[in-house]
C-alpha atoms as a PDB file:
ATOM      1  CA  MET A   1      -5.525  10.269  18.501  1.00  0.00           C
ATOM      2  CA  SER A   2      -5.987  11.558  14.876  1.00  0.00           C
ATOM      3  CA  TYR A   3      -3.017  11.295  12.877  1.00  0.00           C
ATOM      4  CA  PHE A   4      -2.352  15.007  12.105  1.00  0.00           C
ATOM      5  CA  SER A   5      -2.787  15.829  15.085  1.00  0.00           C
ATOM      6  CA  MET A   6       1.164  14.120  16.396  1.00  0.00           C
ATOM      7  CA  PHE A   7       2.493  15.785  13.710  1.00  0.00           C
ATOM      8  CA  PRO A   8       4.768  19.074  14.785  1.00  0.00           C
ATOM      9  CA  ASN A   9       3.701  22.856  13.697  1.00  0.00           C
ATOM     10  CA  ILE A  10       6.006  25.270  11.429  1.00  0.00           C
ATOM     11  CA  SER A  11       5.167  28.748  11.294  1.00  0.00           C
ATOM     12  CA  TYR A  12       4.710  29.640   7.554  1.00  0.00           C
ATOM     13  CA  ASP A  13       4.123  32.346   5.531  1.00  0.00           C
ATOM     14  CA  ALA A  14       1.330  30.585   3.426  1.00  0.00           C
ATOM     15  CA  LYS A  15       0.008  33.560   1.392  1.00  0.00           C
ATOM     16  CA  GLY A  16       3.111  35.045   0.962  1.00  0.00           C
ATOM     17  CA  ASP A  17       2.335  39.079   2.399  1.00  0.00           C
ATOM     18  CA  GLY A  18       4.947  38.136   5.356  1.00  0.00           C
ATOM     19  CA  VAL A  19       2.428  37.362   7.851  1.00  0.00           C
ATOM     20  CA  ASN A  20       3.333  34.050   9.118  1.00  0.00           C
ATOM     21  CA  GLY A  21       0.876  31.711  10.804  1.00  0.00           C
ATOM     22  CA  ILE A  22       0.685  28.162  12.571  1.00  0.00           C
ATOM     23  CA  TYR A  23       0.406  25.120  10.473  1.00  0.00           C
ATOM     24  CA  LYS A  24       0.763  21.322  10.672  1.00  0.00           C
ATOM     25  CA  ASP A  25       4.515  20.310   9.620  1.00  0.00           C
ATOM     26  CA  ILE A  26       2.772  17.297   6.938  1.00  0.00           C
ATOM     27  CA  PHE A  27       5.693  17.014   5.060  1.00  0.00           C
ATOM     28  CA  SER A  28       7.156  15.038   8.259  1.00  0.00           C
ATOM     29  CA  ARG A  29       7.717  11.807   7.993  1.00  0.00           C
ATOM     30  CA  VAL A  30       8.751   8.845   9.962  1.00  0.00           C
ATOM     31  CA  LYS A  31       9.264   5.371   8.811  1.00  0.00           C
ATOM     32  CA  ILE A  32       8.921   2.061  10.494  1.00  0.00           C
ATOM     33  CA  ARG A  33      12.578   0.782  11.599  1.00  0.00           C
ATOM     34  CA  SER A  34      13.244  -2.224   9.357  1.00  0.00           C
ATOM     35  CA  ASP A  35      14.479  -4.437  12.189  1.00  0.00           C
ATOM     36  CA  VAL A  36      10.621  -4.024  13.286  1.00  0.00           C
ATOM     37  CA  LYS A  37       9.352  -4.213   9.696  1.00  0.00           C
ATOM     38  CA  GLY A  38      11.055  -7.398   9.283  1.00  0.00           C
ATOM     39  CA  ASP A  39       9.669  -8.966  12.688  1.00  0.00           C
ATOM     40  CA  ILE A  40       6.920 -11.434  11.286  1.00  0.00           C
ATOM     41  CA  TYR A  41       5.691 -11.360  15.245  1.00  0.00           C
ATOM     42  CA  SER A  42       4.792  -7.555  15.469  1.00  0.00           C
ATOM     43  CA  PHE A  43       2.170  -8.000  11.824  1.00  0.00           C
ATOM     44  CA  ASP A  44      -1.211 -10.276  10.861  1.00  0.00           C
ATOM     45  CA  TYR A  45      -1.356 -10.377   7.658  1.00  0.00           C
ATOM     46  CA  TYR A  46      -5.071  -9.713   6.177  1.00  0.00           C
ATOM     47  CA  ASP A  47      -6.588  -9.889   2.451  1.00  0.00           C
ATOM     48  CA  VAL A  48      -8.677  -7.076   2.308  1.00  0.00           C
ATOM     49  CA  ARG A  49     -11.784  -7.585   0.862  1.00  0.00           C
ATOM     50  CA  ASP A  50     -13.786  -5.860  -2.223  1.00  0.00           C
ATOM     51  CA  GLY A  51     -14.667  -1.981  -0.927  1.00  0.00           C
ATOM     52  CA  GLU A  52     -12.826  -2.555   2.430  1.00  0.00           C
ATOM     53  CA  THR A  53     -10.998   1.305   3.369  1.00  0.00           C
ATOM     54  CA  PRO A  54      -8.767   1.225   5.805  1.00  0.00           C
ATOM     55  CA  GLU A  55     -10.722   2.702   7.790  1.00  0.00           C
ATOM     56  CA  MET A  56     -12.677   0.125   8.052  1.00  0.00           C
ATOM     57  CA  ILE A  57      -9.978  -2.364   8.262  1.00  0.00           C
ATOM     58  CA  ALA A  58      -8.712  -0.034  11.672  1.00  0.00           C
ATOM     59  CA  HIS A  59     -12.579  -0.173  13.170  1.00  0.00           C
ATOM     60  CA  LYS A  60     -12.875  -3.887  12.653  1.00  0.00           C
ATOM     61  CA  TYR A  61      -8.750  -4.829  14.029  1.00  0.00           C
ATOM     62  CA  TYR A  62      -8.207  -2.257  16.435  1.00  0.00           C
ATOM     63  CA  ASP A  63     -11.666  -1.166  17.117  1.00  0.00           C
ATOM     64  CA  ASP A  64     -10.852   2.930  16.504  1.00  0.00           C
ATOM     65  CA  PRO A  65     -10.750   3.706  12.693  1.00  0.00           C
ATOM     66  CA  LEU A  66      -9.139   6.843  13.373  1.00  0.00           C
ATOM     67  CA  LEU A  67      -6.034   4.110  13.652  1.00  0.00           C
ATOM     68  CA  HIS A  68      -6.541   3.985   9.563  1.00  0.00           C
ATOM     69  CA  TRP A  69      -2.836   5.446   9.176  1.00  0.00           C
ATOM     70  CA  THR A  70      -0.701   2.423  10.940  1.00  0.00           C
ATOM     71  CA  ILE A  71      -2.179   0.159   8.207  1.00  0.00           C
ATOM     72  CA  LEU A  72      -0.751   2.608   5.326  1.00  0.00           C
ATOM     73  CA  ILE A  73       2.647   3.161   6.754  1.00  0.00           C
ATOM     74  CA  ALA A  74       2.838  -0.412   7.582  1.00  0.00           C
ATOM     75  CA  ASN A  75       2.193  -1.567   4.224  1.00  0.00           C
ATOM     76  CA  ASP A  76       4.605   1.711   2.700  1.00  0.00           C
ATOM     77  CA  ILE A  77       1.339   3.136   1.295  1.00  0.00           C
ATOM     78  CA  VAL A  78       1.677   6.455   0.478  1.00  0.00           C
ATOM     79  CA  ASP A  79      -0.576   7.090  -2.566  1.00  0.00           C
ATOM     80  CA  TYR A  80      -3.754   5.861  -1.327  1.00  0.00           C
ATOM     81  CA  TYR A  81      -5.240   5.946  -5.108  1.00  0.00           C
ATOM     82  CA  SER A  82      -2.416   3.647  -6.648  1.00  0.00           C
ATOM     83  CA  ASP A  83      -1.142   1.813  -3.773  1.00  0.00           C
ATOM     84  CA  TRP A  84      -4.375   0.406  -2.257  1.00  0.00           C
ATOM     85  CA  PRO A  85      -6.704  -2.332  -3.886  1.00  0.00           C
ATOM     86  CA  MET A  86      -9.347  -1.065  -6.179  1.00  0.00           C
ATOM     87  CA  SER A  87     -12.777  -1.760  -5.732  1.00  0.00           C
ATOM     88  CA  VAL A  88     -14.557  -4.561  -8.479  1.00  0.00           C
ATOM     89  CA  GLN A  89     -16.315  -1.431 -10.344  1.00  0.00           C
ATOM     90  CA  ARG A  90     -13.106   0.948  -9.961  1.00  0.00           C
ATOM     91  CA  PHE A  91     -10.861  -1.624 -11.081  1.00  0.00           C
ATOM     92  CA  GLU A  92     -13.392  -2.735 -14.017  1.00  0.00           C
ATOM     93  CA  GLN A  93     -13.682   1.277 -14.975  1.00  0.00           C
ATOM     94  CA  TYR A  94     -10.206   1.491 -14.432  1.00  0.00           C
ATOM     95  CA  ILE A  95      -9.145  -1.141 -17.223  1.00  0.00           C
ATOM     96  CA  LYS A  96     -12.194   0.100 -19.692  1.00  0.00           C
ATOM     97  CA  ASP A  97     -10.142   3.760 -19.353  1.00  0.00           C
ATOM     98  CA  LYS A  98      -6.465   1.974 -19.899  1.00  0.00           C
ATOM     99  CA  TYR A  99      -6.792  -0.648 -22.325  1.00  0.00           C
ATOM    100  CA  PRO A 100      -8.330  -0.528 -25.875  1.00  0.00           C
ATOM    101  CA  ASN A 101      -8.339  -4.369 -25.479  1.00  0.00           C
ATOM    102  CA  PRO A 102      -7.991  -5.424 -22.259  1.00  0.00           C
ATOM    103  CA  ALA A 103      -7.958  -9.068 -23.704  1.00  0.00           C
ATOM    104  CA  GLY A 104      -4.882  -8.196 -25.624  1.00  0.00           C
ATOM    105  CA  ILE A 105      -1.440 -10.045 -24.587  1.00  0.00           C
ATOM    106  CA  HIS A 106       0.550  -7.925 -22.190  1.00  0.00           C
ATOM    107  CA  HIS A 107       3.297 -10.542 -21.923  1.00  0.00           C
ATOM    108  CA  TYR A 108       4.125 -14.392 -21.522  1.00  0.00           C
ATOM    109  CA  GLU A 109       5.246 -16.310 -18.709  1.00  0.00           C
ATOM    110  CA  VAL A 110       6.762 -19.857 -18.232  1.00  0.00           C
ATOM    111  CA  ALA A 111       7.051 -21.819 -15.155  1.00  0.00           C
ATOM    112  CA  GLN A 112      10.085 -21.837 -13.018  1.00  0.00           C
ATOM    113  CA  THR A 113      12.030 -24.877 -13.837  1.00  0.00           C
ATOM    114  CA  SER A 114      14.631 -24.845 -10.944  1.00  0.00           C
ATOM    115  CA  GLY A 115      13.171 -24.450  -7.076  1.00  0.00           C
ATOM    116  CA  ASP A 116       9.344 -23.777  -6.854  1.00  0.00           C
ATOM    117  CA  PRO A 117       7.674 -24.278 -10.115  1.00  0.00           C
ATOM    118  CA  THR A 118       4.654 -22.471  -9.358  1.00  0.00           C
ATOM    119  CA  VAL A 119       6.926 -19.437  -9.861  1.00  0.00           C
ATOM    120  CA  MET A 120       6.270 -18.014 -13.049  1.00  0.00           C
ATOM    121  CA  ILE A 121       8.625 -15.848 -14.983  1.00  0.00           C
ATOM    122  CA  ASP A 122       7.639 -13.169 -17.221  1.00  0.00           C
ATOM    123  CA  VAL A 123       9.541 -13.576 -20.213  1.00  0.00           C
ATOM    124  CA  GLY A 124       8.230 -10.537 -21.672  1.00  0.00           C
ATOM    125  CA  MET A 125       6.896 -11.303 -25.689  1.00  0.00           C
ATOM    126  CA  ASN A 126       9.661 -14.086 -26.479  1.00  0.00           C
ATOM    127  CA  THR A 127       7.727 -16.863 -27.580  1.00  0.00           C
ATOM    128  CA  THR A 128       9.909 -17.818 -30.205  1.00  0.00           C
ATOM    129  CA  ASP A 129      12.649 -19.367 -26.795  1.00  0.00           C
ATOM    130  CA  TYR A 130       9.776 -20.389 -24.740  1.00  0.00           C
ATOM    131  CA  PRO A 131       7.125 -22.276 -27.636  1.00  0.00           C
ATOM    132  CA  SER A 132       4.987 -23.392 -24.020  1.00  0.00           C
ATOM    133  CA  ALA A 133       4.557 -20.008 -22.369  1.00  0.00           C
ATOM    134  CA  THR A 134       1.383 -18.881 -21.495  1.00  0.00           C
ATOM    135  CA  ALA A 135       0.068 -15.813 -22.709  1.00  0.00           C
ATOM    136  CA  ILE A 136      -1.234 -12.882 -19.788  1.00  0.00           C
ATOM    137  CA  SER A 137      -3.569 -10.527 -20.933  1.00  0.00           C
ATOM    138  CA  PHE A 138      -3.626  -6.858 -19.658  1.00  0.00           C
ATOM    139  CA  TYR A 139      -6.637  -7.726 -17.648  1.00  0.00           C
ATOM    140  CA  THR A 140      -4.867 -11.078 -15.882  1.00  0.00           C
ATOM    141  CA  TYR A 141      -1.527  -8.717 -15.483  1.00  0.00           C
ATOM    142  CA  GLU A 142      -3.547  -5.644 -13.702  1.00  0.00           C
ATOM    143  CA  GLN A 143      -5.767  -8.246 -11.447  1.00  0.00           C
ATOM    144  CA  LEU A 144      -2.797  -9.953 -10.485  1.00  0.00           C
ATOM    145  CA  LEU A 145      -1.783  -6.482  -9.111  1.00  0.00           C
ATOM    146  CA  GLN A 146      -4.566  -5.492  -7.274  1.00  0.00           C
ATOM    147  CA  ASP A 147      -4.353  -9.135  -5.809  1.00  0.00           C
ATOM    148  CA  GLU A 148      -0.445  -8.296  -4.475  1.00  0.00           C
ATOM    149  CA  LYS A 149      -1.835  -4.704  -3.474  1.00  0.00           C
ATOM    150  CA  ARG A 150      -4.451  -7.190  -1.481  1.00  0.00           C
ATOM    151  CA  LYS A 151      -2.177  -8.643   1.041  1.00  0.00           C
ATOM    152  CA  ILE A 152      -1.458  -6.527   3.285  1.00  0.00           C
ATOM    153  CA  ARG A 153       0.165  -6.315   6.880  1.00  0.00           C
ATOM    154  CA  LEU A 154      -1.312  -5.211  10.521  1.00  0.00           C
ATOM    155  CA  ILE A 155       0.248  -4.464  13.599  1.00  0.00           C
ATOM    156  CA  GLN A 156      -0.516  -6.546  16.086  1.00  0.00           C
ATOM    157  CA  PRO A 157      -3.003  -5.252  18.484  1.00  0.00           C
ATOM    158  CA  ASP A 158      -0.639  -5.685  21.442  1.00  0.00           C
ATOM    159  CA  PHE A 159       1.915  -3.653  20.187  1.00  0.00           C
ATOM    160  CA  ILE A 160      -0.398  -0.681  17.991  1.00  0.00           C
ATOM    161  CA  GLU A 161      -0.445   1.750  21.552  1.00  0.00           C
ATOM    162  CA  ASP A 162       3.196   1.374  21.499  1.00  0.00           C
ATOM    163  CA  MET A 163       3.656   1.867  17.708  1.00  0.00           C
ATOM    164  CA  VAL A 164       1.515   4.745  18.190  1.00  0.00           C
ATOM    165  CA  LYS A 165       3.421   6.546  21.209  1.00  0.00           C
ATOM    166  CA  GLU A 166       6.729   6.043  19.273  1.00  0.00           C
ATOM    167  CA  TYR A 167       5.546   7.697  16.055  1.00  0.00           C
ATOM    168  CA  GLU A 168       4.394  10.871  18.034  1.00  0.00           C
ATOM    169  CA  LEU A 169       7.870  10.821  19.270  1.00  0.00           C
ATOM    170  CA  LEU A 170       9.800  10.445  16.000  1.00  0.00           C
ATOM    171  CA  LEU A 171       7.857  13.127  14.682  1.00  0.00           C
ATOM    172  CA  GLN A 172       8.528  15.868  17.690  1.00  0.00           C
ATOM    173  CA  GLU A 173      12.240  14.626  17.590  1.00  0.00           C
ATOM    174  CA  GLY A 174      12.574  15.095  13.913  1.00  0.00           C
ATOM    175  CA  ASN A 175      11.170  18.930  14.562  1.00  0.00           C
END
């Protein structure tokens, strides 16, 4: 089932001429319940590879590319262009367009001294109080953001049919 086919219809005067047409209510929204979202047993974890799209992953994981929208919802992705990881080629162009000097310093980091020492703490540009801080370039900063976006959750195939049915039901109830 395609994503928009589940949306309720609304009557709307799109042209402002007093004549209503029937349209899909694309402004309807449904979120995964927080108790379900917190259930780690309902999800598998996946690292998005360079150039992979939600459709490609849905085809690979669910054998149905039309279920791409479930991947976006499970990961709170609203804007594909800013929330989904960029391909290497797009990322390089993005960096080139955004920063005159990608090697410039974005901020400094120090290792956390209590707890997990692999956790890094952003200390801004403060090297006076943290002389051993490591410089993080604009390029590295953006790359770390992309790496985080690559870590997604996938609804386990055993639960996907129930999730789709519940989503459709909630969309219809919300109308």
